[in-house]
């Protein structure tokens, strides 16, 4: 009887260990994902001409920032605006949705009328 209990306990312990091992693996993967998601990415730009680098350093100094702070701000500003391609696509979409077309002659006539 004592042997059966011990075997059951050992089997139960093995099951718990297997479950915990699986959970540890999942938690380790999730932890790595969370760590990677929170980490900033690094960007390296090679072969920057000296005059460009000097100008960037001067602009950063004018704003009392390091070049890294300045460039990070410029990159954030750049991505806050839509790209030219997405802007043109939005204009095309709106033109198609409106269903109207204004000729170049009409546009030029309106422009010239405003100039008089």
N, C-alpha and C. Protein backbone atom coordinates (compact mmCIF):
# COMPACT_ATOMS: atom_id res chain seq x y z
N UNK A 1 0.83 -1.20 0.00
CA UNK A 1 0.00 0.00 0.00
C UNK A 1 0.86 1.24 0.00
N UNK A 2 1.88 1.23 0.77
CA UNK A 2 2.78 2.38 0.84
C UNK A 2 3.49 2.60 -0.48
N UNK A 3 3.79 1.52 -1.17
CA UNK A 3 4.48 1.63 -2.46
C UNK A 3 3.56 2.27 -3.49
N UNK A 4 2.29 1.91 -3.50
CA UNK A 4 1.34 2.50 -4.44
C UNK A 4 1.24 4.00 -4.23
N UNK A 5 1.17 4.42 -2.99
CA UNK A 5 1.07 5.85 -2.69
C UNK A 5 2.32 6.57 -3.18
N UNK A 6 3.45 5.98 -2.94
CA UNK A 6 4.69 6.62 -3.38
C UNK A 6 4.73 6.72 -4.90
N UNK A 7 4.31 5.67 -5.60
CA UNK A 7 4.31 5.70 -7.06
C UNK A 7 3.33 6.76 -7.57
N UNK A 8 2.17 6.85 -6.95
CA UNK A 8 1.19 7.87 -7.35
C UNK A 8 1.76 9.27 -7.12
N UNK A 9 2.40 9.41 -5.97
CA UNK A 9 2.99 10.72 -5.67
C UNK A 9 4.09 11.07 -6.68
N UNK A 10 4.88 10.06 -7.03
CA UNK A 10 5.96 10.30 -8.01
C UNK A 10 5.35 10.64 -9.37
N UNK A 11 4.31 9.93 -9.78
CA UNK A 11 3.65 10.24 -11.05
C UNK A 11 3.06 11.65 -11.03
N UNK A 12 2.44 12.00 -9.92
CA UNK A 12 1.87 13.34 -9.79
C UNK A 12 2.96 14.40 -9.85
N UNK A 13 4.07 14.12 -9.19
CA UNK A 13 5.18 15.07 -9.23
C UNK A 13 5.72 15.23 -10.65
N UNK A 14 5.83 14.13 -11.36
CA UNK A 14 6.31 14.19 -12.76
C UNK A 14 5.36 15.02 -13.62
N UNK A 15 4.06 14.81 -13.45
CA UNK A 15 3.09 15.59 -14.21
C UNK A 15 3.23 17.09 -13.91
N UNK A 16 3.36 17.40 -12.63
CA UNK A 16 3.53 18.81 -12.23
C UNK A 16 4.81 19.38 -12.83
N UNK A 17 5.89 18.61 -12.79
CA UNK A 17 7.15 19.07 -13.35
C UNK A 17 7.03 19.31 -14.85
N UNK A 18 6.34 18.41 -15.55
CA UNK A 18 6.16 18.56 -16.99
C UNK A 18 5.32 19.80 -17.30
N UNK A 19 4.25 20.00 -16.54
CA UNK A 19 3.41 21.17 -16.75
C UNK A 19 4.20 22.45 -16.48
N UNK A 20 4.95 22.45 -15.40
CA UNK A 20 5.73 23.64 -15.06
C UNK A 20 6.82 23.90 -16.09
N UNK A 21 7.43 22.83 -16.60
CA UNK A 21 8.47 23.01 -17.61
C UNK A 21 7.88 23.66 -18.85
N UNK A 22 6.69 23.21 -19.26
CA UNK A 22 6.03 23.82 -20.42
C UNK A 22 5.68 25.27 -20.16
N UNK A 23 5.18 25.56 -18.97
CA UNK A 23 4.83 26.93 -18.63
C UNK A 23 6.07 27.81 -18.55
N UNK A 24 7.16 27.26 -18.03
CA UNK A 24 8.40 28.04 -17.96
C UNK A 24 8.87 28.41 -19.36
N UNK A 25 8.74 27.47 -20.29
CA UNK A 25 9.16 27.75 -21.67
C UNK A 25 8.30 28.84 -22.28
N UNK A 26 6.99 28.75 -22.05
CA UNK A 26 6.08 29.78 -22.58
C UNK A 26 6.38 31.13 -21.93
N UNK A 27 6.54 31.12 -20.62
CA UNK A 27 6.83 32.37 -19.91
C UNK A 27 8.17 32.95 -20.37
N UNK A 28 9.14 32.09 -20.62
CA UNK A 28 10.44 32.58 -21.09
C UNK A 28 10.29 33.23 -22.46
N UNK A 29 9.50 32.60 -23.35
CA UNK A 29 9.28 33.18 -24.68
C UNK A 29 8.53 34.50 -24.55
N UNK A 30 7.48 34.53 -23.74
CA UNK A 30 6.72 35.77 -23.55
C UNK A 30 7.60 36.86 -22.96
N UNK A 31 8.42 36.49 -21.99
CA UNK A 31 9.32 37.46 -21.38
C UNK A 31 10.28 38.04 -22.40
N UNK A 32 10.79 37.18 -23.28
CA UNK A 32 11.70 37.65 -24.33
C UNK A 32 10.97 38.58 -25.28
N UNK A 33 9.73 38.24 -25.64
CA UNK A 33 8.94 39.11 -26.53
C UNK A 33 8.71 40.47 -25.89
N UNK A 34 8.32 40.46 -24.61
CA UNK A 34 8.08 41.72 -23.92
C UNK A 34 9.35 42.54 -23.83
N UNK A 35 10.46 41.87 -23.57
CA UNK A 35 11.73 42.59 -23.47
C UNK A 35 12.10 43.20 -24.81
N UNK A 36 11.93 42.44 -25.89
CA UNK A 36 12.26 42.96 -27.22
C UNK A 36 11.31 44.07 -27.63
N UNK A 37 10.05 43.96 -27.25
CA UNK A 37 9.08 44.99 -27.62
C UNK A 37 9.38 46.32 -26.93
N UNK A 38 9.91 46.25 -25.72
CA UNK A 38 10.19 47.48 -24.98
C UNK A 38 11.54 48.09 -25.30
N UNK A 39 12.38 47.36 -25.99
CA UNK A 39 13.72 47.86 -26.26
C UNK A 39 13.73 48.73 -27.51
N UNK A 40 14.48 49.80 -27.45
CA UNK A 40 14.63 50.66 -28.61
C UNK A 40 15.52 49.97 -29.64
N UNK A 41 15.28 50.27 -30.88
CA UNK A 41 16.07 49.71 -31.97
C UNK A 41 17.21 50.67 -32.30
N UNK A 42 18.29 50.12 -32.78
CA UNK A 42 19.42 50.93 -33.19
C UNK A 42 19.48 50.97 -34.71
N UNK A 43 19.83 52.13 -35.24
CA UNK A 43 19.98 52.32 -36.67
C UNK A 43 21.38 52.83 -36.93
N UNK A 44 22.06 52.22 -37.86
CA UNK A 44 23.40 52.66 -38.23
C UNK A 44 23.35 53.14 -39.68
N UNK A 45 23.88 54.32 -39.91
CA UNK A 45 23.96 54.86 -41.27
C UNK A 45 25.43 55.04 -41.60
N UNK A 46 25.87 54.34 -42.61
CA UNK A 46 27.27 54.40 -43.00
C UNK A 46 27.48 55.38 -44.14
N UNK A 47 28.72 55.79 -44.30
CA UNK A 47 29.15 56.63 -45.43
C UNK A 47 28.42 57.98 -45.48
N UNK A 48 28.19 58.58 -44.33
CA UNK A 48 27.59 59.91 -44.28
C UNK A 48 28.69 60.92 -44.62
N UNK A 49 28.47 61.78 -45.63
CA UNK A 49 29.50 62.77 -45.99
C UNK A 49 29.80 63.70 -44.82
N UNK A 50 31.04 64.16 -44.76
CA UNK A 50 31.48 65.02 -43.66
C UNK A 50 30.64 66.29 -43.55
N UNK A 51 30.33 66.91 -44.69
CA UNK A 51 29.56 68.16 -44.63
C UNK A 51 28.16 67.93 -44.07
N UNK A 52 27.56 66.79 -44.38
CA UNK A 52 26.23 66.45 -43.84
C UNK A 52 26.32 66.22 -42.34
N UNK A 53 27.33 65.47 -41.93
CA UNK A 53 27.53 65.19 -40.50
C UNK A 53 27.78 66.49 -39.73
N UNK A 54 28.59 67.39 -40.30
CA UNK A 54 28.87 68.67 -39.65
C UNK A 54 27.61 69.51 -39.51
N UNK A 55 26.79 69.52 -40.55
CA UNK A 55 25.55 70.30 -40.50
C UNK A 55 24.59 69.73 -39.44
N UNK A 56 24.49 68.41 -39.38
CA UNK A 56 23.63 67.79 -38.37
C UNK A 56 24.12 68.10 -36.97
N UNK A 57 25.44 68.05 -36.77
CA UNK A 57 26.01 68.37 -35.46
C UNK A 57 25.74 69.82 -35.10
N UNK A 58 25.83 70.72 -36.07
CA UNK A 58 25.57 72.13 -35.82
C UNK A 58 24.10 72.36 -35.44
N UNK A 59 23.20 71.71 -36.16
CA UNK A 59 21.77 71.86 -35.85
C UNK A 59 21.45 71.29 -34.47
N UNK A 60 22.07 70.17 -34.13
CA UNK A 60 21.86 69.60 -32.79
C UNK A 60 22.37 70.56 -31.72
N UNK A 61 23.54 71.14 -31.95
CA UNK A 61 24.13 72.07 -30.98
C UNK A 61 23.25 73.31 -30.83
N UNK A 62 22.66 73.81 -31.93
CA UNK A 62 21.77 74.97 -31.85
C UNK A 62 20.60 74.71 -30.91
N UNK A 63 20.14 73.48 -30.88
CA UNK A 63 19.01 73.13 -30.03
C UNK A 63 19.45 72.55 -28.69
N UNK A 64 20.74 72.63 -28.41
CA UNK A 64 21.32 72.13 -27.17
C UNK A 64 20.99 70.65 -26.94
N UNK A 65 21.15 69.88 -28.02
CA UNK A 65 20.90 68.45 -27.97
C UNK A 65 22.12 67.70 -28.47
N UNK A 66 22.22 66.45 -28.05
CA UNK A 66 23.24 65.60 -28.66
C UNK A 66 22.76 65.28 -30.08
N UNK A 67 23.68 64.82 -30.90
CA UNK A 67 23.27 64.46 -32.26
C UNK A 67 22.26 63.32 -32.22
N UNK A 68 22.42 62.39 -31.28
CA UNK A 68 21.48 61.29 -31.17
C UNK A 68 20.08 61.79 -30.83
N UNK A 69 19.97 62.70 -29.87
CA UNK A 69 18.67 63.27 -29.50
C UNK A 69 18.06 64.02 -30.68
N UNK A 70 18.89 64.80 -31.36
CA UNK A 70 18.41 65.59 -32.49
C UNK A 70 17.89 64.67 -33.60
N UNK A 71 18.69 63.67 -33.97
CA UNK A 71 18.29 62.77 -35.06
C UNK A 71 17.07 61.95 -34.69
N UNK A 72 16.96 61.52 -33.44
CA UNK A 72 15.78 60.77 -33.00
C UNK A 72 14.53 61.64 -33.16
N UNK A 73 14.63 62.91 -32.75
CA UNK A 73 13.50 63.83 -32.91
C UNK A 73 13.14 64.05 -34.37
N UNK A 74 14.16 64.19 -35.21
CA UNK A 74 13.91 64.37 -36.64
C UNK A 74 13.25 63.13 -37.25
N UNK A 75 13.68 61.95 -36.84
CA UNK A 75 13.07 60.72 -37.34
C UNK A 75 11.62 60.60 -36.88
N UNK A 76 11.36 60.96 -35.63
CA UNK A 76 9.98 60.93 -35.13
C UNK A 76 9.11 61.93 -35.89
N UNK A 77 9.67 63.10 -36.17
CA UNK A 77 8.95 64.11 -36.95
C UNK A 77 8.67 63.61 -38.37
N UNK A 78 9.66 62.94 -38.95
CA UNK A 78 9.53 62.43 -40.31
C UNK A 78 8.41 61.39 -40.42
N UNK A 79 8.37 60.45 -39.48
CA UNK A 79 7.36 59.40 -39.58
C UNK A 79 5.98 59.87 -39.13
N UNK A 80 5.88 61.02 -38.49
CA UNK A 80 4.58 61.55 -38.10
C UNK A 80 3.81 62.07 -39.31
N UNK A 81 4.53 62.39 -40.38
CA UNK A 81 3.90 62.87 -41.61
C UNK A 81 3.64 61.70 -42.55
N UNK A 82 2.58 61.79 -43.35
CA UNK A 82 2.36 60.72 -44.33
C UNK A 82 3.42 60.78 -45.43
N UNK A 83 3.73 59.64 -46.00
CA UNK A 83 4.69 59.61 -47.11
C UNK A 83 4.04 60.24 -48.35
N UNK A 84 4.85 60.64 -49.29
CA UNK A 84 4.33 61.24 -50.53
C UNK A 84 3.44 60.23 -51.24
N UNK A 85 3.86 58.98 -51.29
CA UNK A 85 3.07 57.95 -51.97
C UNK A 85 1.70 57.77 -51.30
N UNK A 86 1.65 57.74 -49.97
CA UNK A 86 0.35 57.56 -49.30
C UNK A 86 -0.51 58.81 -49.44
N UNK A 87 0.11 59.98 -49.48
CA UNK A 87 -0.63 61.22 -49.68
C UNK A 87 -1.25 61.26 -51.08
N UNK A 88 -0.48 60.88 -52.10
CA UNK A 88 -1.01 60.84 -53.46
C UNK A 88 -2.12 59.81 -53.59
N UNK A 89 -1.96 58.67 -52.93
CA UNK A 89 -3.00 57.65 -52.96
C UNK A 89 -4.30 58.16 -52.32
N UNK A 90 -4.17 58.90 -51.23
CA UNK A 90 -5.35 59.48 -50.57
C UNK A 90 -6.03 60.50 -51.49
N UNK A 91 -5.24 61.30 -52.20
CA UNK A 91 -5.81 62.28 -53.13
C UNK A 91 -6.55 61.56 -54.25
N UNK A 92 -5.93 60.50 -54.80
CA UNK A 92 -6.59 59.72 -55.87
C UNK A 92 -7.90 59.12 -55.36
N UNK A 93 -7.86 58.58 -54.16
CA UNK A 93 -9.07 57.97 -53.59
C UNK A 93 -10.18 59.00 -53.43
N UNK A 94 -9.83 60.18 -52.95
CA UNK A 94 -10.85 61.23 -52.76
C UNK A 94 -11.40 61.71 -54.09
N UNK A 95 -10.53 61.83 -55.10
CA UNK A 95 -11.00 62.26 -56.42
C UNK A 95 -11.98 61.25 -57.00
N UNK A 96 -11.65 59.95 -56.86
CA UNK A 96 -12.55 58.92 -57.36
C UNK A 96 -13.86 58.92 -56.60
N UNK A 97 -13.82 59.14 -55.30
CA UNK A 97 -15.03 59.14 -54.49
C UNK A 97 -15.92 60.34 -54.84
N UNK A 98 -15.30 61.49 -55.15
CA UNK A 98 -16.07 62.69 -55.49
C UNK A 98 -16.72 62.56 -56.86
N UNK A 99 -16.06 61.86 -57.76
CA UNK A 99 -16.63 61.65 -59.10
C UNK A 99 -16.62 62.89 -59.97
N UNK A 100 -15.89 63.92 -59.61
CA UNK A 100 -15.82 65.13 -60.42
C UNK A 100 -14.42 65.29 -60.98
N UNK A 101 -14.34 66.02 -62.08
CA UNK A 101 -13.05 66.27 -62.69
C UNK A 101 -13.03 67.73 -63.13
N UNK A 102 -11.99 68.44 -62.74
CA UNK A 102 -11.83 69.84 -63.13
C UNK A 102 -10.71 69.89 -64.15
N UNK A 103 -10.99 70.54 -65.26
CA UNK A 103 -9.97 70.58 -66.32
C UNK A 103 -8.86 71.55 -65.94
N UNK A 104 -7.72 71.36 -66.58
CA UNK A 104 -6.56 72.24 -66.34
C UNK A 104 -6.90 73.67 -66.75
N UNK A 105 -7.66 73.83 -67.83
CA UNK A 105 -8.03 75.17 -68.29
C UNK A 105 -8.86 75.90 -67.24
N UNK A 106 -9.77 75.20 -66.59
CA UNK A 106 -10.61 75.81 -65.55
C UNK A 106 -9.76 76.23 -64.36
N UNK A 107 -8.80 75.38 -63.99
CA UNK A 107 -7.92 75.70 -62.87
C UNK A 107 -7.07 76.93 -63.20
N UNK A 108 -6.50 76.97 -64.39
CA UNK A 108 -5.66 78.10 -64.80
C UNK A 108 -6.48 79.38 -64.91
N UNK A 109 -7.69 79.28 -65.39
CA UNK A 109 -8.56 80.46 -65.49
C UNK A 109 -8.88 81.01 -64.09
N UNK A 110 -9.15 80.14 -63.15
CA UNK A 110 -9.44 80.58 -61.78
C UNK A 110 -8.19 81.20 -61.17
N UNK A 111 -7.05 80.61 -61.42
CA UNK A 111 -5.80 81.18 -60.90
C UNK A 111 -5.56 82.57 -61.48
N UNK A 112 -5.74 82.71 -62.81
CA UNK A 112 -5.49 84.00 -63.45
C UNK A 112 -6.49 85.06 -63.00
N UNK A 113 -7.72 84.64 -62.72
CA UNK A 113 -8.74 85.57 -62.26
C UNK A 113 -8.38 86.15 -60.89
N UNK A 114 -7.78 85.32 -60.06
CA UNK A 114 -7.35 85.77 -58.73
C UNK A 114 -6.18 86.74 -58.79
N UNK A 115 -5.41 86.68 -59.86
CA UNK A 115 -4.21 87.51 -59.98
C UNK A 115 -4.52 88.91 -60.51
N UNK A 116 -5.71 89.14 -61.02
CA UNK A 116 -6.05 90.45 -61.59
C UNK A 116 -6.45 91.44 -60.55
